C-alpha atoms as a PDB file:
ATOM      1  CA  MET A   1     101.046  93.130  94.039  1.00  0.00           C
ATOM      2  CA  LYS A   2     100.263  92.218  90.460  1.00  0.00           C
ATOM      3  CA  SER A   3      98.941  94.158  87.453  1.00  0.00           C
ATOM      4  CA  LEU A   4      95.938  92.605  85.714  1.00  0.00           C
ATOM      5  CA  ASN A   5      94.594  93.287  82.253  1.00  0.00           C
ATOM      6  CA  ILE A   6      90.850  93.806  81.695  1.00  0.00           C
ATOM      7  CA  THR A   7      90.093  90.130  81.014  1.00  0.00           C
ATOM      8  CA  GLU A   8      92.037  88.907  84.062  1.00  0.00           C
ATOM      9  CA  ALA A   9      90.368  91.483  86.331  1.00  0.00           C
ATOM     10  CA  ILE A  10      86.853  90.590  85.159  1.00  0.00           C
ATOM     11  CA  GLN A  11      87.574  86.887  85.618  1.00  0.00           C
ATOM     12  CA  TYR A  12      88.866  87.593  89.141  1.00  0.00           C
ATOM     13  CA  LEU A  13      85.840  89.707  90.119  1.00  0.00           C
ATOM     14  CA  GLY A  14      83.289  87.504  88.353  1.00  0.00           C
ATOM     15  CA  GLU A  15      82.118  87.810  84.756  1.00  0.00           C
ATOM     16  CA  ASP A  16      78.520  87.574  85.976  1.00  0.00           C
ATOM     17  CA  LYS A  17      79.019  90.586  88.284  1.00  0.00           C
ATOM     18  CA  TYR A  18      81.195  93.089  86.402  1.00  0.00           C
ATOM     19  CA  ALA A  19      81.853  94.326  82.880  1.00  0.00           C
ATOM     20  CA  VAL A  20      83.944  97.090  81.289  1.00  0.00           C
ATOM     21  CA  SER A  21      82.875  99.838  78.923  1.00  0.00           C
ATOM     22  CA  LEU A  22      85.638 101.135  76.685  1.00  0.00           C
ATOM     23  CA  GLU A  23      84.391 104.585  75.617  1.00  0.00           C
ATOM     24  CA  ASN A  24      87.901 105.328  74.520  1.00  0.00           C
ATOM     25  CA  GLU A  25      90.536 102.841  75.642  1.00  0.00           C
ATOM     26  CA  TRP A  26      93.096 105.574  76.218  1.00  0.00           C
ATOM     27  CA  TYR A  27      90.655 107.776  78.115  1.00  0.00           C
ATOM     28  CA  ARG A  28      88.356 105.607  80.199  1.00  0.00           C
ATOM     29  CA  ARG A  29      88.009 101.925  81.056  1.00  0.00           C
ATOM     30  CA  LEU A  30      84.784 102.094  83.092  1.00  0.00           C
ATOM     31  CA  LEU A  31      84.234  99.076  85.361  1.00  0.00           C
ATOM     32  CA  TYR A  32      80.554  98.641  86.227  1.00  0.00           C
ATOM     33  CA  ARG A  33      78.256  96.096  87.857  1.00  0.00           C
ATOM     34  CA  VAL A  34      75.994  93.857  85.781  1.00  0.00           C
ATOM     35  CA  GLY A  35      73.473  91.135  86.456  1.00  0.00           C
ATOM     36  CA  GLU A  36      70.911  90.704  89.162  1.00  0.00           C
ATOM     37  CA  GLY A  37      70.975  93.429  91.814  1.00  0.00           C
ATOM     38  CA  ALA A  38      73.283  95.743  89.853  1.00  0.00           C
ATOM     39  CA  ASP A  39      71.082  98.759  90.585  1.00  0.00           C
ATOM     40  CA  LYS A  40      70.202  97.918  94.209  1.00  0.00           C
ATOM     41  CA  SER A  41      73.248  99.445  95.907  1.00  0.00           C
ATOM     42  CA  GLY A  42      72.908 102.457  98.137  1.00  0.00           C
ATOM     43  CA  ARG A  43      75.605 105.092  98.251  1.00  0.00           C
ATOM     44  CA  VAL A  44      77.312 107.288 100.827  1.00  0.00           C
ATOM     45  CA  ALA A  45      79.614 109.979  99.428  1.00  0.00           C
ATOM     46  CA  ARG A  46      81.727 112.893 100.606  1.00  0.00           C
ATOM     47  CA  PHE A  47      84.405 115.175  99.248  1.00  0.00           C
ATOM     48  CA  PHE A  48      87.770 113.607 100.100  1.00  0.00           C
ATOM     49  CA  ASP A  49      89.662 116.308 101.971  1.00  0.00           C
ATOM     50  CA  PRO A  50      91.134 114.738 105.116  1.00  0.00           C
ATOM     51  CA  ASN A  51      94.005 116.166 107.069  1.00  0.00           C
ATOM     52  CA  PRO A  52      97.100 115.054 105.091  1.00  0.00           C
ATOM     53  CA  PHE A  53      98.407 113.240 108.170  1.00  0.00           C
ATOM     54  CA  GLN A  54      95.305 111.036 108.020  1.00  0.00           C
ATOM     55  CA  PHE A  55      95.640 109.914 104.395  1.00  0.00           C
ATOM     56  CA  SER A  56      97.277 106.584 105.143  1.00  0.00           C
ATOM     57  CA  TYR A  57      94.808 105.727 107.910  1.00  0.00           C
ATOM     58  CA  ALA A  58      91.818 106.776 105.793  1.00  0.00           C
ATOM     59  CA  PHE A  59      92.904 104.553 102.884  1.00  0.00           C
ATOM     60  CA  LEU A  60      93.486 101.557 105.150  1.00  0.00           C
ATOM     61  CA  ALA A  61      90.093 102.167 106.791  1.00  0.00           C
ATOM     62  CA  MET A  62      88.445 102.169 103.345  1.00  0.00           C
ATOM     63  CA  ALA A  63      90.111  98.875 102.446  1.00  0.00           C
ATOM     64  CA  ASP A  64      89.173  97.515 105.887  1.00  0.00           C
ATOM     65  CA  TRP A  65      85.531  98.606 105.326  1.00  0.00           C
ATOM     66  CA  LEU A  66      85.266  96.119 102.464  1.00  0.00           C
ATOM     67  CA  PRO A  67      84.219  92.551 103.257  1.00  0.00           C
ATOM     68  CA  LYS A  68      87.085  90.532 104.676  1.00  0.00           C
ATOM     69  CA  ASN A  69      89.210  89.074 101.928  1.00  0.00           C
ATOM     70  CA  THR A  70      92.952  88.669 101.795  1.00  0.00           C
ATOM     71  CA  HIS A  71      93.185  90.623  98.520  1.00  0.00           C
ATOM     72  CA  ARG A  72      91.954  93.984  97.292  1.00  0.00           C
ATOM     73  CA  LEU A  73      91.667  95.001  93.648  1.00  0.00           C
ATOM     74  CA  LEU A  74      92.351  98.613  92.697  1.00  0.00           C
ATOM     75  CA  TRP A  75      90.783  99.407  89.317  1.00  0.00           C
ATOM     76  CA  ILE A  76      91.736 102.605  87.443  1.00  0.00           C
ATOM     77  CA  ASP A  77      88.703 103.852  85.461  1.00  0.00           C
ATOM     78  CA  HIS A  78      90.424 107.031  84.314  1.00  0.00           C
ATOM     79  CA  LEU A  79      93.825 108.555  84.876  1.00  0.00           C
ATOM     80  CA  GLU A  80      94.444 112.244  84.516  1.00  0.00           C
ATOM     81  CA  ASP A  81      97.324 113.143  82.216  1.00  0.00           C
ATOM     82  CA  GLY A  82      97.536 116.771  83.342  1.00  0.00           C
ATOM     83  CA  TYR A  83     100.552 115.941  85.505  1.00  0.00           C
ATOM     84  CA  PRO A  84     102.569 113.175  83.800  1.00  0.00           C
ATOM     85  CA  SER A  85     104.793 112.824  86.869  1.00  0.00           C
ATOM     86  CA  GLN A  86     101.833 111.461  88.883  1.00  0.00           C
ATOM     87  CA  LYS A  87     101.323 108.660  86.381  1.00  0.00           C
ATOM     88  CA  GLN A  88     105.061 107.968  86.456  1.00  0.00           C
ATOM     89  CA  HIS A  89     105.064 107.829  90.275  1.00  0.00           C
ATOM     90  CA  PHE A  90     102.168 105.360  90.110  1.00  0.00           C
ATOM     91  CA  LEU A  91     104.002 103.205  87.554  1.00  0.00           C
ATOM     92  CA  ASN A  92     107.199 103.291  89.639  1.00  0.00           C
ATOM     93  CA  ILE A  93     105.296 101.716  92.532  1.00  0.00           C
ATOM     94  CA  LEU A  94     104.091  98.914  90.243  1.00  0.00           C
ATOM     95  CA  GLY A  95     107.527  98.063  88.833  1.00  0.00           C
ATOM     96  CA  ASP A  96     110.629  99.172  87.037  1.00  0.00           C
ATOM     97  CA  GLY A  97     110.694 100.317  83.440  1.00  0.00           C
ATOM     98  CA  LEU A  98     106.970  99.972  82.689  1.00  0.00           C
ATOM     99  CA  PRO A  99     105.794 101.545  79.416  1.00  0.00           C
ATOM    100  CA  SER A 100     103.643 104.685  79.606  1.00  0.00           C
ATOM    101  CA  ASP A 101     100.613 102.749  78.291  1.00  0.00           C
ATOM    102  CA  HIS A 102     100.847 100.113  81.057  1.00  0.00           C
ATOM    103  CA  LEU A 103      97.704 101.321  82.883  1.00  0.00           C
ATOM    104  CA  VAL A 104      95.703 101.435  79.656  1.00  0.00           C
ATOM    105  CA  LYS A 105      96.429  97.771  79.021  1.00  0.00           C
ATOM    106  CA  ASN A 106      96.500  96.760  82.730  1.00  0.00           C
ATOM    107  CA  PRO A 107      94.021  98.964  84.620  1.00  0.00           C
ATOM    108  CA  ALA A 108      93.755  96.652  87.647  1.00  0.00           C
ATOM    109  CA  ILE A 109      96.201  96.117  90.491  1.00  0.00           C
ATOM    110  CA  LEU A 110      95.690  93.066  92.688  1.00  0.00           C
ATOM    111  CA  LEU A 111      97.072  93.719  96.172  1.00  0.00           C
ATOM    112  CA  GLY A 112      97.520  91.038  98.728  1.00  0.00           C
ATOM    113  CA  PRO A 113      97.482  89.059 100.658  1.00  0.00           C
ATOM    114  CA  LEU A 114      96.462  91.722 103.168  1.00  0.00           C
ATOM    115  CA  SER A 115      95.757  91.349 106.865  1.00  0.00           C
ATOM    116  CA  ASN A 116      92.108  90.961 107.839  1.00  0.00           C
ATOM    117  CA  ASP A 117      92.720  93.744 110.365  1.00  0.00           C
ATOM    118  CA  LEU A 118      94.377  96.448 108.294  1.00  0.00           C
ATOM    119  CA  MET A 119      94.021  99.048 111.039  1.00  0.00           C
ATOM    120  CA  ASP A 120      96.271  97.128 113.437  1.00  0.00           C
ATOM    121  CA  GLN A 121      99.828  97.345 112.127  1.00  0.00           C
ATOM    122  CA  LYS A 122     101.028  94.744 114.623  1.00  0.00           C
ATOM    123  CA  VAL A 123      98.758  92.002 113.270  1.00  0.00           C
ATOM    124  CA  GLY A 124     100.026  91.651 109.695  1.00  0.00           C
ATOM    125  CA  THR A 125     103.085  89.836 108.461  1.00  0.00           C
ATOM    126  CA  PRO A 126     105.923  91.900 106.935  1.00  0.00           C
ATOM    127  CA  GLU A 127     104.659  90.934 103.455  1.00  0.00           C
ATOM    128  CA  GLN A 128     101.109  92.049 104.322  1.00  0.00           C
ATOM    129  CA  ASN A 129     102.423  95.346 105.671  1.00  0.00           C
ATOM    130  CA  ILE A 130     104.389  95.971 102.464  1.00  0.00           C
ATOM    131  CA  GLU A 131     101.250  95.357 100.383  1.00  0.00           C
ATOM    132  CA  GLY A 132      99.257  97.660 102.678  1.00  0.00           C
ATOM    133  CA  GLU A 133     101.868 100.391 102.255  1.00  0.00           C
ATOM    134  CA  ALA A 134     101.706  99.966  98.474  1.00  0.00           C
ATOM    135  CA  LEU A 135      97.916 100.358  98.631  1.00  0.00           C
ATOM    136  CA  ILE A 136      98.282 103.571 100.661  1.00  0.00           C
ATOM    137  CA  THR A 137     100.824 104.999  98.215  1.00  0.00           C
ATOM    138  CA  LEU A 138      98.795 104.107  95.109  1.00  0.00           C
ATOM    139  CA  CYS A 139      95.611 105.595  96.609  1.00  0.00           C
ATOM    140  CA  THR A 140      97.460 108.761  97.610  1.00  0.00           C
ATOM    141  CA  VAL A 141      98.763 109.300  94.084  1.00  0.00           C
ATOM    142  CA  LEU A 142      95.390 108.663  92.453  1.00  0.00           C
ATOM    143  CA  SER A 143      93.584 110.909  94.964  1.00  0.00           C
ATOM    144  CA  VAL A 144      95.996 113.809  94.561  1.00  0.00           C
ATOM    145  CA  GLY A 145      95.661 113.445  90.788  1.00  0.00           C
ATOM    146  CA  ASN A 146      91.830 113.263  90.897  1.00  0.00           C
ATOM    147  CA  TRP A 147      91.853 109.974  89.026  1.00  0.00           C
ATOM    148  CA  ASP A 148      88.714 107.838  88.885  1.00  0.00           C
ATOM    149  CA  ALA A 149      89.199 104.432  90.497  1.00  0.00           C
ATOM    150  CA  LYS A 150      87.473 101.669  92.442  1.00  0.00           C
ATOM    151  CA  LEU A 151      88.642  99.534  95.360  1.00  0.00           C
ATOM    152  CA  LEU A 152      86.955  96.125  95.406  1.00  0.00           C
ATOM    153  CA  THR A 153      87.146  92.569  96.677  1.00  0.00           C
ATOM    154  CA  ALA A 154      86.247  89.373  94.850  1.00  0.00           C
ATOM    155  CA  GLY A 155      82.937  87.824  95.876  1.00  0.00           C
ATOM    156  CA  SER A 156      81.333  91.087  96.989  1.00  0.00           C
ATOM    157  CA  THR A 157      79.353  93.849  95.326  1.00  0.00           C
ATOM    158  CA  ASP A 158      80.474  96.416  97.934  1.00  0.00           C
ATOM    159  CA  TYR A 159      83.128  98.813  96.715  1.00  0.00           C
ATOM    160  CA  VAL A 160      84.764 102.179  97.316  1.00  0.00           C
ATOM    161  CA  GLU A 161      84.979 104.617  94.426  1.00  0.00           C
ATOM    162  CA  PHE A 162      87.307 107.581  94.003  1.00  0.00           C
ATOM    163  CA  TRP A 163      85.752 110.079  91.619  1.00  0.00           C
ATOM    164  CA  GLU A 164      86.934 113.621  90.845  1.00  0.00           C
ATOM    165  CA  GLY A 165      88.133 114.305  94.384  1.00  0.00           C
ATOM    166  CA  ASN A 166      85.238 112.498  96.076  1.00  0.00           C
ATOM    167  CA  VAL A 167      85.038 109.158  97.840  1.00  0.00           C
ATOM    168  CA  LEU A 168      81.895 107.039  97.494  1.00  0.00           C
ATOM    169  CA  PHE A 169      80.944 103.840  99.319  1.00  0.00           C
ATOM    170  CA  TYR A 170      78.501 101.487  97.565  1.00  0.00           C
ATOM    171  CA  SER A 171      76.680  98.640  99.270  1.00  0.00           C
ATOM    172  CA  GLU A 172      73.363  96.817  99.322  1.00  0.00           C
ATOM    173  CA  SER A 173      73.722  96.590 103.127  1.00  0.00           C
ATOM    174  CA  THR A 174      72.377  99.374 105.344  1.00  0.00           C
ATOM    175  CA  GLU A 175      74.759  98.233 108.087  1.00  0.00           C
ATOM    176  CA  ALA A 176      77.762  98.604 105.735  1.00  0.00           C
ATOM    177  CA  LEU A 177      76.606 102.072 104.661  1.00  0.00           C
ATOM    178  CA  ASN A 178      76.207 103.083 108.321  1.00  0.00           C
ATOM    179  CA  ARG A 179      79.791 101.923 108.950  1.00  0.00           C
ATOM    180  CA  ALA A 180      80.865 104.042 105.960  1.00  0.00           C
ATOM    181  CA  VAL A 181      79.166 107.127 107.450  1.00  0.00           C
ATOM    182  CA  LYS A 182      80.995 106.536 110.749  1.00  0.00           C
ATOM    183  CA  LEU A 183      84.287 106.211 108.873  1.00  0.00           C
ATOM    184  CA  LEU A 184      83.678 109.447 106.943  1.00  0.00           C
ATOM    185  CA  ASP A 185      82.683 111.269 110.124  1.00  0.00           C
ATOM    186  CA  PHE A 186      85.740 109.941 111.966  1.00  0.00           C
ATOM    187  CA  TYR A 187      88.040 111.425 109.317  1.00  0.00           C
ATOM    188  CA  ASP A 188      85.999 114.649 109.405  1.00  0.00           C
ATOM    189  CA  LEU A 189      84.828 114.355 105.788  1.00  0.00           C
ATOM    190  CA  LYS A 190      81.726 116.530 106.082  1.00  0.00           C
ATOM    191  CA  THR A 191      81.284 118.068 102.641  1.00  0.00           C
ATOM    192  CA  PRO A 192      78.665 116.218 100.533  1.00  0.00           C
ATOM    193  CA  SER A 193      79.934 115.166  97.115  1.00  0.00           C
ATOM    194  CA  ASP A 194      76.825 116.308  95.259  1.00  0.00           C
END
């Protein structure tokens, strides 16, 4: 697991595919798609209210939904400061003694390598399982805090977005969106986000 600043994250994802809007650096670092096909993605969205016992499985399933890649990038568009302890818990997962402005300067977390079958805990190496557990914990904290974030992989325009208590799957592929609907139905996420 490694924190990336804005420049490093954009270079990792592809400068021709993503850019960042800094409305207010301390408030929002909005990652968005650019270039050819940026507006061609379809979307499937639901309110994220799974049974708490399913949180870890739901987050791994979301990461597993993305195209196979050994790494996942978790981008924090906006963190809510209403409960400072949530931000501190998030920072504690990333490392010891990080300054309170760490996520403003380093809004991306590169996780990996991860197993190509995240749903099977017996497949991954101990290192991959540790990274997977870190992903689960980070996603839990950001979801409970209603932060805005994206989960992405390099080389793909598919991504999962967490937004104000909702989860949204974006893809240009109908097949990928159908898989997202099955995932949402499996975790009994029935409430539309709109």
